[in-house]
Amino acid sequence: MEDNLVKKDCIELLANNYVGHLAYIENNIPFILPITYYYDPKENAVFSYSGEGHKIEAMRINKNVSLQVENIQGINNWKSVLVLGSFNELQGSAAKMYLHKFTQGVKNLLAKNEITDAQFINDFSNKLNSGSASIVYRIKINDIIGKYNKR
């Protein structure tokens, strides 16, 4: 039987993960895809980056998005959080600062969870150092809700 997570537990699940499913709307059609993210508790926001493309173009038009994050131990043992928020593209030095914060945050989370086989994190550092044309964005959290099931 599923039940609601309290806000503190929702934030904990969000903060202790770095992969979620971003949902956005384009031409009244919902899309969802996995992203790597970093949750910043001081700003109560999620940060990520992307190349130019469908997702970014759609979020520029309709800024309402959601992010779903889960921890599934089994069919009767799981937690899931849904973040309702708004997209905000970052520019210039702010974008670079938040990309650095994102990289450090994900690295720290990986170290905390003792994940040593994470070659992909070097891609973040390379993008940071190369000054490539990545689009850094923030999802300002308007609401967060969660469910869990533990039998």
N, C-alpha and C. Protein backbone atom coordinates (compact mmCIF):
# COMPACT_ATOMS: atom_id res chain seq x y z
N MET A 1 0.83 -1.18 0.00
CA MET A 1 0.00 0.00 0.00
C MET A 1 0.88 1.24 0.00
N GLU A 2 0.62 2.16 -0.93
CA GLU A 2 1.44 3.36 -1.00
C GLU A 2 0.91 4.44 -0.08
N ASP A 3 1.84 5.31 0.33
CA ASP A 3 1.49 6.41 1.22
C ASP A 3 2.34 7.62 0.83
N ASN A 4 2.00 8.79 1.38
CA ASN A 4 2.72 10.02 1.08
C ASN A 4 4.02 10.11 1.87
N LEU A 5 5.06 10.62 1.22
CA LEU A 5 6.30 10.96 1.91
C LEU A 5 6.15 12.36 2.48
N VAL A 6 6.72 12.60 3.66
CA VAL A 6 6.75 13.96 4.20
C VAL A 6 7.80 14.75 3.42
N LYS A 7 7.69 16.07 3.44
CA LYS A 7 8.56 16.93 2.63
C LYS A 7 10.04 16.67 2.91
N LYS A 8 10.41 16.47 4.16
CA LYS A 8 11.81 16.21 4.52
C LYS A 8 12.32 14.97 3.80
N ASP A 9 11.51 13.92 3.73
CA ASP A 9 11.91 12.69 3.05
C ASP A 9 11.96 12.88 1.53
N CYS A 10 11.09 13.73 1.01
CA CYS A 10 11.13 14.04 -0.42
C CYS A 10 12.46 14.72 -0.77
N ILE A 11 12.82 15.71 0.02
CA ILE A 11 14.07 16.45 -0.21
C ILE A 11 15.27 15.52 -0.07
N GLU A 12 15.24 14.64 0.91
CA GLU A 12 16.34 13.69 1.11
C GLU A 12 16.52 12.78 -0.11
N LEU A 13 15.43 12.27 -0.65
CA LEU A 13 15.51 11.42 -1.83
C LEU A 13 16.06 12.21 -3.02
N LEU A 14 15.60 13.42 -3.20
CA LEU A 14 16.07 14.27 -4.29
C LEU A 14 17.55 14.58 -4.14
N ALA A 15 17.97 14.90 -2.91
CA ALA A 15 19.36 15.30 -2.66
C ALA A 15 20.34 14.14 -2.76
N ASN A 16 19.89 12.93 -2.52
CA ASN A 16 20.79 11.78 -2.50
C ASN A 16 20.84 11.02 -3.82
N ASN A 17 20.32 11.63 -4.87
CA ASN A 17 20.36 11.03 -6.21
C ASN A 17 20.87 12.07 -7.19
N TYR A 18 21.20 11.61 -8.39
CA TYR A 18 21.67 12.53 -9.42
C TYR A 18 21.10 12.19 -10.81
N VAL A 19 20.25 11.17 -10.89
CA VAL A 19 19.58 10.84 -12.14
C VAL A 19 18.08 10.86 -11.91
N GLY A 20 17.38 11.55 -12.78
CA GLY A 20 15.92 11.62 -12.70
C GLY A 20 15.33 11.66 -14.09
N HIS A 21 14.01 11.74 -14.15
CA HIS A 21 13.30 11.79 -15.42
C HIS A 21 12.62 13.15 -15.55
N LEU A 22 13.07 13.92 -16.53
CA LEU A 22 12.55 15.26 -16.77
C LEU A 22 11.37 15.18 -17.72
N ALA A 23 10.26 15.80 -17.34
CA ALA A 23 9.08 15.86 -18.20
C ALA A 23 8.85 17.30 -18.63
N TYR A 24 8.54 17.47 -19.90
CA TYR A 24 8.26 18.78 -20.47
C TYR A 24 7.22 18.62 -21.57
N ILE A 25 6.66 19.73 -22.00
CA ILE A 25 5.58 19.72 -23.00
C ILE A 25 6.04 20.48 -24.25
N GLU A 26 5.75 19.89 -25.41
CA GLU A 26 5.98 20.59 -26.66
C GLU A 26 4.79 20.34 -27.57
N ASN A 27 4.14 21.41 -28.01
CA ASN A 27 2.93 21.32 -28.84
C ASN A 27 1.87 20.41 -28.22
N ASN A 28 1.65 20.59 -26.93
CA ASN A 28 0.66 19.82 -26.17
C ASN A 28 0.96 18.32 -26.09
N ILE A 29 2.18 17.94 -26.39
CA ILE A 29 2.59 16.54 -26.29
C ILE A 29 3.60 16.43 -25.15
N PRO A 30 3.37 15.51 -24.19
CA PRO A 30 4.33 15.34 -23.10
C PRO A 30 5.52 14.48 -23.54
N PHE A 31 6.69 14.89 -23.11
CA PHE A 31 7.93 14.14 -23.34
C PHE A 31 8.59 13.90 -22.00
N ILE A 32 9.31 12.80 -21.88
CA ILE A 32 10.04 12.51 -20.65
C ILE A 32 11.34 11.81 -21.02
N LEU A 33 12.41 12.19 -20.35
CA LEU A 33 13.70 11.57 -20.61
C LEU A 33 14.59 11.67 -19.39
N PRO A 34 15.57 10.78 -19.30
CA PRO A 34 16.47 10.82 -18.14
C PRO A 34 17.47 11.97 -18.25
N ILE A 35 17.78 12.56 -17.10
CA ILE A 35 18.83 13.59 -17.03
C ILE A 35 19.67 13.34 -15.79
N THR A 36 20.86 13.88 -15.82
CA THR A 36 21.70 13.95 -14.64
C THR A 36 21.48 15.34 -14.05
N TYR A 37 21.32 15.42 -12.74
CA TYR A 37 21.01 16.70 -12.11
C TYR A 37 21.76 16.82 -10.79
N TYR A 38 21.74 18.03 -10.26
CA TYR A 38 22.25 18.30 -8.92
C TYR A 38 21.22 19.15 -8.19
N TYR A 39 20.86 18.72 -6.98
CA TYR A 39 19.92 19.50 -6.16
C TYR A 39 20.71 20.40 -5.24
N ASP A 40 20.40 21.69 -5.26
CA ASP A 40 21.04 22.68 -4.39
C ASP A 40 20.04 23.09 -3.31
N PRO A 41 20.26 22.64 -2.07
CA PRO A 41 19.30 22.95 -1.00
C PRO A 41 19.23 24.45 -0.67
N LYS A 42 20.33 25.17 -0.84
CA LYS A 42 20.32 26.60 -0.51
C LYS A 42 19.39 27.37 -1.45
N GLU A 43 19.33 26.95 -2.69
CA GLU A 43 18.47 27.64 -3.67
C GLU A 43 17.15 26.94 -3.88
N ASN A 44 16.99 25.76 -3.26
CA ASN A 44 15.81 24.93 -3.47
C ASN A 44 15.52 24.80 -4.96
N ALA A 45 16.57 24.37 -5.68
CA ALA A 45 16.49 24.25 -7.13
C ALA A 45 17.33 23.06 -7.60
N VAL A 46 17.02 22.61 -8.79
CA VAL A 46 17.75 21.53 -9.45
C VAL A 46 18.50 22.16 -10.62
N PHE A 47 19.75 21.72 -10.82
CA PHE A 47 20.57 22.23 -11.90
C PHE A 47 20.98 21.10 -12.82
N SER A 48 21.05 21.40 -14.12
CA SER A 48 21.50 20.43 -15.10
C SER A 48 22.03 21.19 -16.30
N TYR A 49 22.45 20.43 -17.30
CA TYR A 49 22.90 21.06 -18.53
C TYR A 49 22.53 20.17 -19.71
N SER A 50 22.56 20.76 -20.90
CA SER A 50 22.18 20.02 -22.10
C SER A 50 22.78 20.73 -23.30
N GLY A 51 22.86 20.02 -24.40
CA GLY A 51 23.16 20.66 -25.67
C GLY A 51 21.88 21.28 -26.21
N GLU A 52 22.04 22.11 -27.21
CA GLU A 52 20.88 22.70 -27.89
C GLU A 52 20.07 21.57 -28.52
N GLY A 53 18.75 21.67 -28.50
CA GLY A 53 17.94 20.63 -29.12
C GLY A 53 16.48 20.73 -28.72
N HIS A 54 15.76 19.66 -28.98
CA HIS A 54 14.31 19.59 -28.77
C HIS A 54 13.91 19.98 -27.35
N LYS A 55 14.55 19.38 -26.36
CA LYS A 55 14.19 19.61 -24.96
C LYS A 55 14.34 21.08 -24.60
N ILE A 56 15.49 21.66 -24.91
CA ILE A 56 15.75 23.07 -24.56
C ILE A 56 14.79 23.98 -25.31
N GLU A 57 14.60 23.74 -26.58
CA GLU A 57 13.66 24.57 -27.36
C GLU A 57 12.26 24.52 -26.77
N ALA A 58 11.81 23.32 -26.39
CA ALA A 58 10.47 23.17 -25.81
C ALA A 58 10.37 23.87 -24.46
N MET A 59 11.40 23.75 -23.62
CA MET A 59 11.35 24.37 -22.28
C MET A 59 11.45 25.88 -22.36
N ARG A 60 12.07 26.41 -23.39
CA ARG A 60 12.10 27.87 -23.57
C ARG A 60 10.70 28.41 -23.84
N ILE A 61 9.88 27.61 -24.50
CA ILE A 61 8.52 28.04 -24.83
C ILE A 61 7.56 27.79 -23.66
N ASN A 62 7.59 26.59 -23.10
CA ASN A 62 6.74 26.24 -21.96
C ASN A 62 7.65 25.90 -20.79
N LYS A 63 7.78 26.82 -19.86
CA LYS A 63 8.74 26.69 -18.76
C LYS A 63 8.29 25.74 -17.65
N ASN A 64 7.05 25.29 -17.68
CA ASN A 64 6.55 24.35 -16.67
C ASN A 64 7.09 22.95 -16.94
N VAL A 65 7.81 22.40 -15.96
CA VAL A 65 8.42 21.08 -16.10
C VAL A 65 8.22 20.30 -14.81
N SER A 66 8.52 19.02 -14.89
CA SER A 66 8.55 18.21 -13.67
C SER A 66 9.75 17.27 -13.75
N LEU A 67 10.20 16.86 -12.58
CA LEU A 67 11.33 15.93 -12.47
C LEU A 67 10.91 14.84 -11.51
N GLN A 68 11.03 13.59 -11.95
CA GLN A 68 10.67 12.45 -11.12
C GLN A 68 11.95 11.69 -10.78
N VAL A 69 12.11 11.39 -9.49
CA VAL A 69 13.27 10.65 -8.99
C VAL A 69 12.76 9.52 -8.13
N GLU A 70 13.38 8.35 -8.27
CA GLU A 70 12.91 7.21 -7.48
C GLU A 70 14.07 6.40 -6.91
N ASN A 71 13.73 5.64 -5.91
CA ASN A 71 14.63 4.64 -5.32
C ASN A 71 13.79 3.37 -5.21
N ILE A 72 14.09 2.39 -6.07
CA ILE A 72 13.30 1.17 -6.12
C ILE A 72 14.14 0.01 -5.60
N GLN A 73 13.71 -0.56 -4.49
CA GLN A 73 14.36 -1.74 -3.94
C GLN A 73 13.64 -3.01 -4.39
N GLY A 74 12.37 -2.89 -4.68
CA GLY A 74 11.56 -4.02 -5.11
C GLY A 74 10.15 -3.55 -5.38
N ILE A 75 9.31 -4.47 -5.86
CA ILE A 75 7.94 -4.12 -6.23
C ILE A 75 7.13 -3.56 -5.05
N ASN A 76 7.47 -3.98 -3.85
CA ASN A 76 6.77 -3.50 -2.66
C ASN A 76 7.67 -2.69 -1.73
N ASN A 77 8.75 -2.15 -2.28
CA ASN A 77 9.68 -1.37 -1.47
C ASN A 77 10.30 -0.29 -2.37
N TRP A 78 9.66 0.87 -2.42
CA TRP A 78 10.13 1.95 -3.27
C TRP A 78 9.71 3.31 -2.72
N LYS A 79 10.42 4.33 -3.20
CA LYS A 79 10.09 5.73 -2.93
C LYS A 79 10.17 6.48 -4.25
N SER A 80 9.30 7.46 -4.41
CA SER A 80 9.28 8.26 -5.63
C SER A 80 8.92 9.70 -5.29
N VAL A 81 9.61 10.63 -5.92
CA VAL A 81 9.38 12.05 -5.69
C VAL A 81 9.10 12.72 -7.02
N LEU A 82 8.15 13.65 -7.02
CA LEU A 82 7.85 14.45 -8.19
C LEU A 82 8.06 15.93 -7.84
N VAL A 83 8.98 16.55 -8.58
CA VAL A 83 9.25 17.98 -8.43
C VAL A 83 8.45 18.70 -9.50
N LEU A 84 7.69 19.69 -9.10
CA LEU A 84 6.99 20.56 -10.04
C LEU A 84 7.72 21.89 -10.05
N GLY A 85 8.16 22.32 -11.22
CA GLY A 85 8.97 23.51 -11.23
C GLY A 85 8.93 24.26 -12.54
N SER A 86 9.83 25.25 -12.62
CA SER A 86 9.91 26.07 -13.83
C SER A 86 11.36 26.16 -14.30
N PHE A 87 11.51 26.08 -15.61
CA PHE A 87 12.79 26.12 -16.31
C PHE A 87 13.32 27.54 -16.37
N ASN A 88 14.63 27.67 -16.13
CA ASN A 88 15.30 28.96 -16.25
C ASN A 88 16.68 28.71 -16.83
N GLU A 89 16.92 29.23 -18.03
CA GLU A 89 18.23 29.08 -18.68
C GLU A 89 19.21 30.08 -18.07
N LEU A 90 20.41 29.59 -17.78
CA LEU A 90 21.44 30.43 -17.18
C LEU A 90 22.44 30.86 -18.25
N GLN A 91 23.01 32.04 -18.07
CA GLN A 91 23.91 32.61 -19.08
C GLN A 91 25.24 33.03 -18.44
N GLY A 92 26.26 33.15 -19.27
CA GLY A 92 27.53 33.75 -18.90
C GLY A 92 28.19 33.16 -17.68
N SER A 93 28.67 34.04 -16.79
CA SER A 93 29.42 33.59 -15.62
C SER A 93 28.54 32.81 -14.65
N ALA A 94 27.26 33.13 -14.60
CA ALA A 94 26.35 32.36 -13.74
C ALA A 94 26.25 30.92 -14.23
N ALA A 95 26.16 30.73 -15.54
CA ALA A 95 26.09 29.39 -16.11
C ALA A 95 27.36 28.61 -15.78
N LYS A 96 28.50 29.25 -15.92
CA LYS A 96 29.77 28.57 -15.63
C LYS A 96 29.86 28.21 -14.15
N MET A 97 29.45 29.13 -13.28
CA MET A 97 29.48 28.88 -11.84
C MET A 97 28.59 27.69 -11.48
N TYR A 98 27.39 27.64 -12.05
CA TYR A 98 26.46 26.55 -11.71
C TYR A 98 26.87 25.23 -12.34
N LEU A 99 27.52 25.27 -13.50
CA LEU A 99 28.04 24.03 -14.08
C LEU A 99 29.13 23.46 -13.18
N HIS A 100 29.96 24.34 -12.62
CA HIS A 100 30.98 23.91 -11.67
C HIS A 100 30.33 23.33 -10.41
N LYS A 101 29.32 24.01 -9.89
CA LYS A 101 28.60 23.55 -8.71
C LYS A 101 27.95 22.18 -8.97
N PHE A 102 27.36 22.03 -10.16
CA PHE A 102 26.76 20.77 -10.59
C PHE A 102 27.81 19.66 -10.58
N THR A 103 28.96 19.93 -11.22
CA THR A 103 30.02 18.93 -11.30
C THR A 103 30.50 18.52 -9.92
N GLN A 104 30.77 19.49 -9.07
CA GLN A 104 31.24 19.19 -7.71
C GLN A 104 30.18 18.44 -6.92
N GLY A 105 28.92 18.85 -7.06
CA GLY A 105 27.84 18.20 -6.33
C GLY A 105 27.68 16.74 -6.70
N VAL A 106 27.73 16.45 -8.01
CA VAL A 106 27.60 15.05 -8.45
C VAL A 106 28.83 14.25 -8.01
N LYS A 107 30.02 14.84 -8.14
CA LYS A 107 31.24 14.14 -7.69
C LYS A 107 31.16 13.81 -6.20
N ASN A 108 30.72 14.77 -5.40
CA ASN A 108 30.60 14.55 -3.95
C ASN A 108 29.59 13.45 -3.64
N LEU A 109 28.48 13.44 -4.36
CA LEU A 109 27.46 12.41 -4.15
C LEU A 109 28.00 11.03 -4.52
N LEU A 110 28.74 10.95 -5.62
CA LEU A 110 29.35 9.68 -6.02
C LEU A 110 30.34 9.21 -4.97
N ALA A 111 31.17 10.12 -4.47
CA ALA A 111 32.15 9.75 -3.44
C ALA A 111 31.45 9.29 -2.17
N LYS A 112 30.39 9.99 -1.79
CA LYS A 112 29.62 9.64 -0.59
C LYS A 112 29.05 8.23 -0.70
N ASN A 113 28.59 7.88 -1.90
CA ASN A 113 28.01 6.57 -2.14
C ASN A 113 29.04 5.53 -2.57
N GLU A 114 30.31 5.93 -2.51
CA GLU A 114 31.44 5.05 -2.84
C GLU A 114 31.31 4.44 -4.23
N ILE A 115 30.88 5.25 -5.18
CA ILE A 115 30.81 4.83 -6.57
C ILE A 115 32.11 5.27 -7.23
N THR A 116 32.94 4.30 -7.60
CA THR A 116 34.25 4.64 -8.14
C THR A 116 34.30 4.48 -9.66
N ASP A 117 33.39 3.72 -10.24
CA ASP A 117 33.39 3.50 -11.68
C ASP A 117 32.40 4.46 -12.34
N ALA A 118 32.80 5.72 -12.39
CA ALA A 118 31.90 6.75 -12.93
C ALA A 118 32.67 7.62 -13.92
N GLN A 119 33.10 7.02 -15.00
CA GLN A 119 33.86 7.72 -16.03
C GLN A 119 33.11 8.94 -16.57
N PHE A 120 31.77 8.86 -16.58
CA PHE A 120 30.98 9.95 -17.16
C PHE A 120 31.22 11.29 -16.46
N ILE A 121 31.65 11.28 -15.20
CA ILE A 121 31.86 12.54 -14.49
C ILE A 121 32.98 13.36 -15.14
N ASN A 122 33.92 12.68 -15.79
CA ASN A 122 34.98 13.41 -16.49
C ASN A 122 34.40 14.24 -17.63
N ASP A 123 33.30 13.77 -18.24
CA ASP A 123 32.66 14.54 -19.30
C ASP A 123 32.19 15.89 -18.78
N PHE A 124 31.67 15.91 -17.54
CA PHE A 124 31.23 17.18 -16.96
C PHE A 124 32.41 18.12 -16.79
N SER A 125 33.51 17.59 -16.23
CA SER A 125 34.71 18.40 -16.02
C SER A 125 35.27 18.91 -17.34
N ASN A 126 35.27 18.05 -18.37
CA ASN A 126 35.76 18.47 -19.67
C ASN A 126 34.92 19.60 -20.25
N LYS A 127 33.60 19.52 -20.10
CA LYS A 127 32.74 20.59 -20.59
C LYS A 127 33.00 21.89 -19.83
N LEU A 128 33.24 21.76 -18.54
CA LEU A 128 33.51 22.93 -17.71
C LEU A 128 34.80 23.60 -18.16
N ASN A 129 35.83 22.79 -18.40
CA ASN A 129 37.14 23.34 -18.75
C ASN A 129 37.22 23.79 -20.20
N SER A 130 36.46 23.17 -21.09
CA SER A 130 36.56 23.51 -22.51
C SER A 130 35.74 24.75 -22.85
N GLY A 131 34.82 25.12 -21.96
CA GLY A 131 33.95 26.25 -22.26
C GLY A 131 33.01 25.94 -23.41
N SER A 132 32.67 24.66 -23.59
CA SER A 132 31.81 24.25 -24.72
C SER A 132 30.44 24.91 -24.60
N ALA A 133 29.66 24.77 -25.64
CA ALA A 133 28.39 25.47 -25.74
C ALA A 133 27.25 24.74 -25.05
N SER A 134 27.49 24.19 -23.88
CA SER A 134 26.42 23.55 -23.13
C SER A 134 25.49 24.61 -22.57
N ILE A 135 24.22 24.25 -22.49
CA ILE A 135 23.22 25.13 -21.91
C ILE A 135 22.98 24.66 -20.48
N VAL A 136 23.27 25.52 -19.55
CA VAL A 136 23.08 25.22 -18.13
C VAL A 136 21.73 25.80 -17.74
N TYR A 137 20.96 24.99 -17.01
CA TYR A 137 19.65 25.46 -16.61
C TYR A 137 19.31 25.07 -15.18
N ARG A 138 18.38 25.84 -14.65
CA ARG A 138 17.88 25.63 -13.29
C ARG A 138 16.40 25.30 -13.37
N ILE A 139 15.98 24.38 -12.52
CA ILE A 139 14.56 24.13 -12.34
C ILE A 139 14.23 24.63 -10.93
N LYS A 140 13.54 25.75 -10.88
CA LYS A 140 13.11 26.30 -9.60
C LYS A 140 11.96 25.44 -9.10
N ILE A 141 12.09 24.94 -7.88
CA ILE A 141 11.08 24.04 -7.33
C ILE A 141 9.90 24.85 -6.80
N ASN A 142 8.74 24.60 -7.37
CA ASN A 142 7.50 25.23 -6.90
C ASN A 142 6.78 24.34 -5.89
N ASP A 143 6.91 23.04 -6.08
CA ASP A 143 6.28 22.07 -5.17
C ASP A 143 7.01 20.75 -5.32
N ILE A 144 6.94 19.94 -4.28
CA ILE A 144 7.54 18.62 -4.31
C ILE A 144 6.61 17.67 -3.55
N ILE A 145 6.31 16.55 -4.19
CA ILE A 145 5.43 15.56 -3.57
C ILE A 145 6.08 14.19 -3.73
N GLY A 146 5.75 13.29 -2.82
CA GLY A 146 6.35 11.97 -2.89
C GLY A 146 5.43 10.88 -2.37
N LYS A 147 5.71 9.69 -2.84
CA LYS A 147 4.97 8.49 -2.41
C LYS A 147 5.98 7.42 -2.05
N TYR A 148 5.54 6.47 -1.24
CA TYR A 148 6.38 5.32 -0.95
C TYR A 148 5.51 4.10 -0.70
N ASN A 149 6.14 2.95 -0.82
CA ASN A 149 5.50 1.68 -0.52
C ASN A 149 6.56 0.82 0.15
N LYS A 150 6.24 0.34 1.32
CA LYS A 150 7.16 -0.55 2.03
C LYS A 150 6.32 -1.57 2.78
N ARG A 151 6.35 -2.78 2.31
CA ARG A 151 5.58 -3.86 2.97
C ARG A 151 6.52 -4.81 3.65
